[in-house]
Amino acid sequence: MFEKLQQIKKLKELQDSLSQEKVEVEKSGIKVVFNGKMEIEQIELNSELSKEEQEKVLQDCINEAVKKIQMIAAQKMSQMQGF
């Protein structure tokens, strides 16, 4: 039982630590900012691009930001003992 409580505490610490992280990806004048909870905090579009170009670049930015956040989470989890 005590081990479970310790694991819950470690997970809470991990969650708090991740919530402080921010990832920013910018391509072709389009910028996306994610926080460690994998929530989008900011999107900036480039009006000089066509709608189709903006959609493609935005998709690429979001995908890259999600991968970066996942890598940060994996690194933090690997540093924690007991996981």
PDB file of N, CA and C in Angstrom:
ATOM      1  N   MET A   1       0.829  -1.195   0.000  1.00  0.00           N
ATOM      2  CA  MET A   1       0.000   0.000   0.000  1.00  0.00           C
ATOM      3  C   MET A   1       0.872   1.257   0.000  1.00  0.00           C
ATOM      4  N   PHE A   2       1.942   1.212   0.828  1.00  0.00           N
ATOM      5  CA  PHE A   2       2.821   2.370   0.918  1.00  0.00           C
ATOM      6  C   PHE A   2       3.521   2.631  -0.420  1.00  0.00           C
ATOM      7  N   GLU A   3       3.875   1.539  -1.123  1.00  0.00           N
ATOM      8  CA  GLU A   3       4.514   1.692  -2.430  1.00  0.00           C
ATOM      9  C   GLU A   3       3.587   2.383  -3.426  1.00  0.00           C
ATOM     10  N   LYS A   4       2.314   2.030  -3.382  1.00  0.00           N
ATOM     11  CA  LYS A   4       1.334   2.662  -4.275  1.00  0.00           C
ATOM     12  C   LYS A   4       1.247   4.163  -4.005  1.00  0.00           C
ATOM     13  N   LEU A   5       1.265   4.538  -2.729  1.00  0.00           N
ATOM     14  CA  LEU A   5       1.208   5.960  -2.376  1.00  0.00           C
ATOM     15  C   LEU A   5       2.446   6.692  -2.862  1.00  0.00           C
ATOM     16  N   GLN A   6       3.594   6.038  -2.779  1.00  0.00           N
ATOM     17  CA  GLN A   6       4.829   6.647  -3.278  1.00  0.00           C
ATOM     18  C   GLN A   6       4.768   6.823  -4.793  1.00  0.00           C
ATOM     19  N   GLN A   7       4.235   5.828  -5.494  1.00  0.00           N
ATOM     20  CA  GLN A   7       4.113   5.930  -6.944  1.00  0.00           C
ATOM     21  C   GLN A   7       3.156   7.056  -7.327  1.00  0.00           C
ATOM     22  N   ILE A   8       2.061   7.177  -6.597  1.00  0.00           N
ATOM     23  CA  ILE A   8       1.105   8.257  -6.869  1.00  0.00           C
ATOM     24  C   ILE A   8       1.777   9.604  -6.652  1.00  0.00           C
ATOM     25  N   LYS A   9       2.564   9.714  -5.595  1.00  0.00           N
ATOM     26  CA  LYS A   9       3.287  10.961  -5.320  1.00  0.00           C
ATOM     27  C   LYS A   9       4.266  11.279  -6.448  1.00  0.00           C
ATOM     28  N   LYS A  10       4.994  10.259  -6.917  1.00  0.00           N
ATOM     29  CA  LYS A  10       5.943  10.468  -8.013  1.00  0.00           C
ATOM     30  C   LYS A  10       5.224  10.880  -9.293  1.00  0.00           C
ATOM     31  N   LEU A  11       4.091  10.272  -9.564  1.00  0.00           N
ATOM     32  CA  LEU A  11       3.319  10.645 -10.749  1.00  0.00           C
ATOM     33  C   LEU A  11       2.822  12.081 -10.660  1.00  0.00           C
ATOM     34  N   LYS A  12       2.411  12.493  -9.482  1.00  0.00           N
ATOM     35  CA  LYS A  12       1.958  13.880  -9.275  1.00  0.00           C
ATOM     36  C   LYS A  12       3.121  14.840  -9.507  1.00  0.00           C
ATOM     37  N   GLU A  13       4.300  14.479  -8.999  1.00  0.00           N
ATOM     38  CA  GLU A  13       5.490  15.309  -9.218  1.00  0.00           C
ATOM     39  C   GLU A  13       5.828  15.396 -10.702  1.00  0.00           C
ATOM     40  N   LEU A  14       5.713  14.272 -11.406  1.00  0.00           N
ATOM     41  CA  LEU A  14       5.963  14.254 -12.845  1.00  0.00           C
ATOM     42  C   LEU A  14       4.971  15.151 -13.571  1.00  0.00           C
ATOM     43  N   GLN A  15       3.712  15.039 -13.193  1.00  0.00           N
ATOM     44  CA  GLN A  15       2.672  15.857 -13.818  1.00  0.00           C
ATOM     45  C   GLN A  15       2.936  17.343 -13.572  1.00  0.00           C
ATOM     46  N   ASP A  16       3.320  17.697 -12.361  1.00  0.00           N
ATOM     47  CA  ASP A  16       3.626  19.095 -12.040  1.00  0.00           C
ATOM     48  C   ASP A  16       4.833  19.585 -12.830  1.00  0.00           C
ATOM     49  N   SER A  17       5.833  18.721 -12.941  1.00  0.00           N
ATOM     50  CA  SER A  17       7.035  19.076 -13.690  1.00  0.00           C
ATOM     51  C   SER A  17       6.723  19.272 -15.169  1.00  0.00           C
ATOM     52  N   LEU A  18       5.923  18.375 -15.725  1.00  0.00           N
ATOM     53  CA  LEU A  18       5.559  18.488 -17.140  1.00  0.00           C
ATOM     54  C   LEU A  18       4.719  19.725 -17.415  1.00  0.00           C
ATOM     55  N   SER A  19       3.891  20.108 -16.465  1.00  0.00           N
ATOM     56  CA  SER A  19       3.027  21.273 -16.690  1.00  0.00           C
ATOM     57  C   SER A  19       3.837  22.555 -16.848  1.00  0.00           C
ATOM     58  N   GLN A  20       5.084  22.543 -16.380  1.00  0.00           N
ATOM     59  CA  GLN A  20       5.961  23.709 -16.505  1.00  0.00           C
ATOM     60  C   GLN A  20       6.663  23.775 -17.864  1.00  0.00           C
ATOM     61  N   GLU A  21       6.652  22.676 -18.588  1.00  0.00           N
ATOM     62  CA  GLU A  21       7.345  22.615 -19.880  1.00  0.00           C
ATOM     63  C   GLU A  21       6.550  23.337 -20.962  1.00  0.00           C
ATOM     64  N   LYS A  22       7.281  23.886 -21.918  1.00  0.00           N
ATOM     65  CA  LYS A  22       6.672  24.500 -23.095  1.00  0.00           C
ATOM     66  C   LYS A  22       7.499  24.093 -24.305  1.00  0.00           C
ATOM     67  N   VAL A  23       6.812  23.817 -25.406  1.00  0.00           N
ATOM     68  CA  VAL A  23       7.474  23.491 -26.666  1.00  0.00           C
ATOM     69  C   VAL A  23       6.928  24.430 -27.723  1.00  0.00           C
ATOM     70  N   GLU A  24       7.836  25.048 -28.460  1.00  0.00           N
ATOM     71  CA  GLU A  24       7.462  25.964 -29.525  1.00  0.00           C
ATOM     72  C   GLU A  24       8.045  25.454 -30.837  1.00  0.00           C
ATOM     73  N   VAL A  25       7.192  25.368 -31.854  1.00  0.00           N
ATOM     74  CA  VAL A  25       7.640  24.948 -33.185  1.00  0.00           C
ATOM     75  C   VAL A  25       7.191  26.023 -34.169  1.00  0.00           C
ATOM     76  N   GLU A  26       8.139  26.464 -34.988  1.00  0.00           N
ATOM     77  CA  GLU A  26       7.821  27.491 -35.982  1.00  0.00           C
ATOM     78  C   GLU A  26       8.358  27.057 -37.337  1.00  0.00           C
ATOM     79  N   LYS A  27       7.486  27.134 -38.336  1.00  0.00           N
ATOM     80  CA  LYS A  27       7.853  26.803 -39.715  1.00  0.00           C
ATOM     81  C   LYS A  27       7.101  27.728 -40.651  1.00  0.00           C
ATOM     82  N   SER A  28       7.792  28.267 -41.613  1.00  0.00           N
ATOM     83  CA  SER A  28       7.177  29.107 -42.653  1.00  0.00           C
ATOM     84  C   SER A  28       6.297  30.206 -42.075  1.00  0.00           C
ATOM     85  N   GLY A  29       6.709  30.755 -40.952  1.00  0.00           N
ATOM     86  CA  GLY A  29       5.954  31.855 -40.347  1.00  0.00           C
ATOM     87  C   GLY A  29       4.762  31.408 -39.517  1.00  0.00           C
ATOM     88  N   ILE A  30       4.551  30.120 -39.383  1.00  0.00           N
ATOM     89  CA  ILE A  30       3.464  29.591 -38.561  1.00  0.00           C
ATOM     90  C   ILE A  30       4.085  29.043 -37.284  1.00  0.00           C
ATOM     91  N   LYS A  31       3.506  29.435 -36.148  1.00  0.00           N
ATOM     92  CA  LYS A  31       4.062  29.032 -34.862  1.00  0.00           C
ATOM     93  C   LYS A  31       2.996  28.368 -34.016  1.00  0.00           C
ATOM     94  N   VAL A  32       3.407  27.288 -33.325  1.00  0.00           N
ATOM     95  CA  VAL A  32       2.535  26.573 -32.400  1.00  0.00           C
ATOM     96  C   VAL A  32       3.285  26.428 -31.077  1.00  0.00           C
ATOM     97  N   VAL A  33       2.598  26.727 -29.972  1.00  0.00           N
ATOM     98  CA  VAL A  33       3.182  26.554 -28.642  1.00  0.00           C
ATOM     99  C   VAL A  33       2.297  25.590 -27.861  1.00  0.00           C
ATOM    100  N   PHE A  34       2.920  24.516 -27.364  1.00  0.00           N
ATOM    101  CA  PHE A  34       2.244  23.510 -26.547  1.00  0.00           C
ATOM    102  C   PHE A  34       2.796  23.583 -25.132  1.00  0.00           C
ATOM    103  N   ASN A  35       1.971  23.250 -24.148  1.00  0.00           N
ATOM    104  CA  ASN A  35       2.493  23.079 -22.802  1.00  0.00           C
ATOM    105  C   ASN A  35       2.675  21.593 -22.531  1.00  0.00           C
ATOM    106  N   GLY A  36       3.223  21.269 -21.376  1.00  0.00           N
ATOM    107  CA  GLY A  36       3.513  19.889 -21.031  1.00  0.00           C
ATOM    108  C   GLY A  36       2.294  19.020 -20.823  1.00  0.00           C
ATOM    109  N   LYS A  37       1.129  19.631 -20.740  1.00  0.00           N
ATOM    110  CA  LYS A  37      -0.118  18.868 -20.626  1.00  0.00           C
ATOM    111  C   LYS A  37      -0.660  18.519 -22.008  1.00  0.00           C
ATOM    112  N   MET A  38       0.135  18.809 -23.031  1.00  0.00           N
ATOM    113  CA  MET A  38      -0.230  18.581 -24.432  1.00  0.00           C
ATOM    114  C   MET A  38      -1.437  19.417 -24.843  1.00  0.00           C
ATOM    115  N   GLU A  39      -1.491  20.625 -24.312  1.00  0.00           N
ATOM    116  CA  GLU A  39      -2.530  21.579 -24.687  1.00  0.00           C
ATOM    117  C   GLU A  39      -1.890  22.669 -25.544  1.00  0.00           C
ATOM    118  N   ILE A  40      -2.596  23.094 -26.571  1.00  0.00           N
ATOM    119  CA  ILE A  40      -2.103  24.180 -27.407  1.00  0.00           C
ATOM    120  C   ILE A  40      -2.321  25.482 -26.661  1.00  0.00           C
ATOM    121  N   GLU A  41      -1.255  26.247 -26.489  1.00  0.00           N
ATOM    122  CA  GLU A  41      -1.349  27.535 -25.812  1.00  0.00           C
ATOM    123  C   GLU A  41      -1.420  28.695 -26.804  1.00  0.00           C
ATOM    124  N   GLN A  42      -0.817  28.501 -27.971  1.00  0.00           N
ATOM    125  CA  GLN A  42      -0.769  29.604 -28.926  1.00  0.00           C
ATOM    126  C   GLN A  42      -0.602  29.064 -30.335  1.00  0.00           C
ATOM    127  N   ILE A  43      -1.276  29.713 -31.266  1.00  0.00           N
ATOM    128  CA  ILE A  43      -1.099  29.437 -32.690  1.00  0.00           C
ATOM    129  C   ILE A  43      -1.004  30.777 -33.405  1.00  0.00           C
ATOM    130  N   GLU A  44       0.021  30.912 -34.225  1.00  0.00           N
ATOM    131  CA  GLU A  44       0.162  32.096 -35.072  1.00  0.00           C
ATOM    132  C   GLU A  44       0.214  31.615 -36.511  1.00  0.00           C
ATOM    133  N   LEU A  45      -0.637  32.189 -37.349  1.00  0.00           N
ATOM    134  CA  LEU A  45      -0.689  31.804 -38.762  1.00  0.00           C
ATOM    135  C   LEU A  45       0.045  32.823 -39.613  1.00  0.00           C
ATOM    136  N   ASN A  46       0.359  32.448 -40.826  1.00  0.00           N
ATOM    137  CA  ASN A  46       1.022  33.313 -41.790  1.00  0.00           C
ATOM    138  C   ASN A  46       0.030  33.591 -42.915  1.00  0.00           C
ATOM    139  N   SER A  47      -0.493  34.792 -42.958  1.00  0.00           N
ATOM    140  CA  SER A  47      -1.512  35.141 -43.948  1.00  0.00           C
ATOM    141  C   SER A  47      -0.956  35.204 -45.368  1.00  0.00           C
ATOM    142  N   GLU A  48       0.346  35.177 -45.510  1.00  0.00           N
ATOM    143  CA  GLU A  48       0.946  35.200 -46.838  1.00  0.00           C
ATOM    144  C   GLU A  48       0.875  33.825 -47.519  1.00  0.00           C
ATOM    145  N   LEU A  49       0.602  32.785 -46.745  1.00  0.00           N
ATOM    146  CA  LEU A  49       0.480  31.440 -47.311  1.00  0.00           C
ATOM    147  C   LEU A  49      -0.964  31.182 -47.706  1.00  0.00           C
ATOM    148  N   SER A  50      -1.149  30.308 -48.688  1.00  0.00           N
ATOM    149  CA  SER A  50      -2.505  29.914 -49.075  1.00  0.00           C
ATOM    150  C   SER A  50      -3.121  29.091 -47.944  1.00  0.00           C
ATOM    151  N   LYS A  51      -4.423  28.913 -48.007  1.00  0.00           N
ATOM    152  CA  LYS A  51      -5.129  28.130 -46.996  1.00  0.00           C
ATOM    153  C   LYS A  51      -4.554  26.721 -46.922  1.00  0.00           C
ATOM    154  N   GLU A  52      -4.338  26.109 -48.072  1.00  0.00           N
ATOM    155  CA  GLU A  52      -3.802  24.757 -48.117  1.00  0.00           C
ATOM    156  C   GLU A  52      -2.396  24.679 -47.513  1.00  0.00           C
ATOM    157  N   GLU A  53      -1.556  25.671 -47.835  1.00  0.00           N
ATOM    158  CA  GLU A  53      -0.200  25.698 -47.279  1.00  0.00           C
ATOM    159  C   GLU A  53      -0.244  25.865 -45.764  1.00  0.00           C
ATOM    160  N   GLN A  54      -1.105  26.757 -45.290  1.00  0.00           N
ATOM    161  CA  GLN A  54      -1.232  26.967 -43.844  1.00  0.00           C
ATOM    162  C   GLN A  54      -1.672  25.684 -43.141  1.00  0.00           C
ATOM    163  N   GLU A  55      -2.638  24.993 -43.733  1.00  0.00           N
ATOM    164  CA  GLU A  55      -3.127  23.750 -43.127  1.00  0.00           C
ATOM    165  C   GLU A  55      -2.013  22.717 -43.028  1.00  0.00           C
ATOM    166  N   LYS A  56      -1.229  22.560 -44.085  1.00  0.00           N
ATOM    167  CA  LYS A  56      -0.149  21.574 -44.107  1.00  0.00           C
ATOM    168  C   LYS A  56       0.934  21.935 -43.090  1.00  0.00           C
ATOM    169  N   VAL A  57       1.353  23.185 -43.085  1.00  0.00           N
ATOM    170  CA  VAL A  57       2.416  23.608 -42.165  1.00  0.00           C
ATOM    171  C   VAL A  57       1.933  23.520 -40.719  1.00  0.00           C
ATOM    172  N   LEU A  58       0.687  23.914 -40.469  1.00  0.00           N
ATOM    173  CA  LEU A  58       0.126  23.835 -39.120  1.00  0.00           C
ATOM    174  C   LEU A  58       0.090  22.384 -38.640  1.00  0.00           C
ATOM    175  N   GLN A  59      -0.323  21.487 -39.510  1.00  0.00           N
ATOM    176  CA  GLN A  59      -0.344  20.068 -39.167  1.00  0.00           C
ATOM    177  C   GLN A  59       1.069  19.580 -38.827  1.00  0.00           C
ATOM    178  N   ASP A  60       2.052  19.965 -39.626  1.00  0.00           N
ATOM    179  CA  ASP A  60       3.437  19.563 -39.370  1.00  0.00           C
ATOM    180  C   ASP A  60       3.933  20.117 -38.033  1.00  0.00           C
ATOM    181  N   CYS A  61       3.604  21.369 -37.749  1.00  0.00           N
ATOM    182  CA  CYS A  61       4.027  21.993 -36.492  1.00  0.00           C
ATOM    183  C   CYS A  61       3.413  21.286 -35.287  1.00  0.00           C
ATOM    184  N   ILE A  62       2.129  21.003 -35.362  1.00  0.00           N
ATOM    185  CA  ILE A  62       1.442  20.332 -34.258  1.00  0.00           C
ATOM    186  C   ILE A  62       2.037  18.947 -34.033  1.00  0.00           C
ATOM    187  N   ASN A  63       2.225  18.188 -35.109  1.00  0.00           N
ATOM    188  CA  ASN A  63       2.794  16.847 -34.982  1.00  0.00           C
ATOM    189  C   ASN A  63       4.196  16.882 -34.363  1.00  0.00           C
ATOM    190  N   GLU A  64       5.011  17.831 -34.787  1.00  0.00           N
ATOM    191  CA  GLU A  64       6.366  17.941 -34.242  1.00  0.00           C
ATOM    192  C   GLU A  64       6.334  18.339 -32.766  1.00  0.00           C
ATOM    193  N   ALA A  65       5.453  19.258 -32.413  1.00  0.00           N
ATOM    194  CA  ALA A  65       5.350  19.692 -31.013  1.00  0.00           C
ATOM    195  C   ALA A  65       4.900  18.542 -30.118  1.00  0.00           C
ATOM    196  N   VAL A  66       3.943  17.754 -30.576  1.00  0.00           N
ATOM    197  CA  VAL A  66       3.469  16.605 -29.793  1.00  0.00           C
ATOM    198  C   VAL A  66       4.608  15.611 -29.585  1.00  0.00           C
ATOM    199  N   LYS A  67       5.383  15.358 -30.618  1.00  0.00           N
ATOM    200  CA  LYS A  67       6.510  14.431 -30.492  1.00  0.00           C
ATOM    201  C   LYS A  67       7.533  14.951 -29.478  1.00  0.00           C
ATOM    202  N   LYS A  68       7.789  16.251 -29.511  1.00  0.00           N
ATOM    203  CA  LYS A  68       8.754  16.833 -28.574  1.00  0.00           C
ATOM    204  C   LYS A  68       8.258  16.710 -27.131  1.00  0.00           C
ATOM    205  N   ILE A  69       6.978  16.986 -26.902  1.00  0.00           N
ATOM    206  CA  ILE A  69       6.414  16.867 -25.558  1.00  0.00           C
ATOM    207  C   ILE A  69       6.469  15.415 -25.095  1.00  0.00           C
ATOM    208  N   GLN A  70       6.166  14.484 -25.984  1.00  0.00           N
ATOM    209  CA  GLN A  70       6.236  13.067 -25.624  1.00  0.00           C
ATOM    210  C   GLN A  70       7.659  12.663 -25.267  1.00  0.00           C
ATOM    211  N   MET A  71       8.647  13.183 -25.981  1.00  0.00           N
ATOM    212  CA  MET A  71      10.044  12.879 -25.674  1.00  0.00           C
ATOM    213  C   MET A  71      10.438  13.439 -24.309  1.00  0.00           C
ATOM    214  N   ILE A  72       9.998  14.655 -24.016  1.00  0.00           N
ATOM    215  CA  ILE A  72      10.283  15.262 -22.709  1.00  0.00           C
ATOM    216  C   ILE A  72       9.666  14.414 -21.604  1.00  0.00           C
ATOM    217  N   ALA A  73       8.425  13.993 -21.794  1.00  0.00           N
ATOM    218  CA  ALA A  73       7.744  13.162 -20.793  1.00  0.00           C
ATOM    219  C   ALA A  73       8.479  11.835 -20.610  1.00  0.00           C
ATOM    220  N   ALA A  74       8.902  11.217 -21.692  1.00  0.00           N
ATOM    221  CA  ALA A  74       9.613   9.943 -21.606  1.00  0.00           C
ATOM    222  C   ALA A  74      10.942  10.112 -20.873  1.00  0.00           C
ATOM    223  N   GLN A  75      11.646  11.203 -21.147  1.00  0.00           N
ATOM    224  CA  GLN A  75      12.913  11.453 -20.469  1.00  0.00           C
ATOM    225  C   GLN A  75      12.707  11.651 -18.974  1.00  0.00           C
ATOM    226  N   LYS A  76      11.684  12.413 -18.618  1.00  0.00           N
ATOM    227  CA  LYS A  76      11.411  12.657 -17.204  1.00  0.00           C
ATOM    228  C   LYS A  76      10.996  11.367 -16.497  1.00  0.00           C
ATOM    229  N   MET A  77      10.220  10.534 -17.166  1.00  0.00           N
ATOM    230  CA  MET A  77       9.803   9.278 -16.563  1.00  0.00           C
ATOM    231  C   MET A  77      10.986   8.338 -16.373  1.00  0.00           C
ATOM    232  N   SER A  78      11.900   8.340 -17.339  1.00  0.00           N
ATOM    233  CA  SER A  78      13.062   7.452 -17.230  1.00  0.00           C
ATOM    234  C   SER A  78      13.990   7.890 -16.103  1.00  0.00           C
ATOM    235  N   GLN A  79      13.949   9.158 -15.739  1.00  0.00           N
ATOM    236  CA  GLN A  79      14.794   9.665 -14.655  1.00  0.00           C
ATOM    237  C   GLN A  79      14.211   9.344 -13.282  1.00  0.00           C
ATOM    238  N   MET A  80      12.924   9.027 -13.241  1.00  0.00           N
ATOM    239  CA  MET A  80      12.276   8.721 -11.977  1.00  0.00           C
ATOM    240  C   MET A  80      12.536   7.273 -11.599  1.00  0.00           C
ATOM    241  N   GLN A  81      12.867   7.044 -10.362  1.00  0.00           N
ATOM    242  CA  GLN A  81      13.090   5.678  -9.892  1.00  0.00           C
ATOM    243  C   GLN A  81      11.741   5.020  -9.658  1.00  0.00           C
ATOM    244  N   GLY A  82      11.669   3.755  -9.929  1.00  0.00           N
ATOM    245  CA  GLY A  82      10.444   3.012  -9.692  1.00  0.00           C
ATOM    246  C   GLY A  82       9.533   2.937 -10.888  1.00  0.00           C
ATOM    247  N   PHE A  83       9.966   3.473 -12.046  1.00  0.00           N
ATOM    248  CA  PHE A  83       9.148   3.409 -13.259  1.00  0.00           C
ATOM    249  C   PHE A  83       9.954   2.814 -14.381  1.00  0.00           C
TER     250      PHE A  83
END
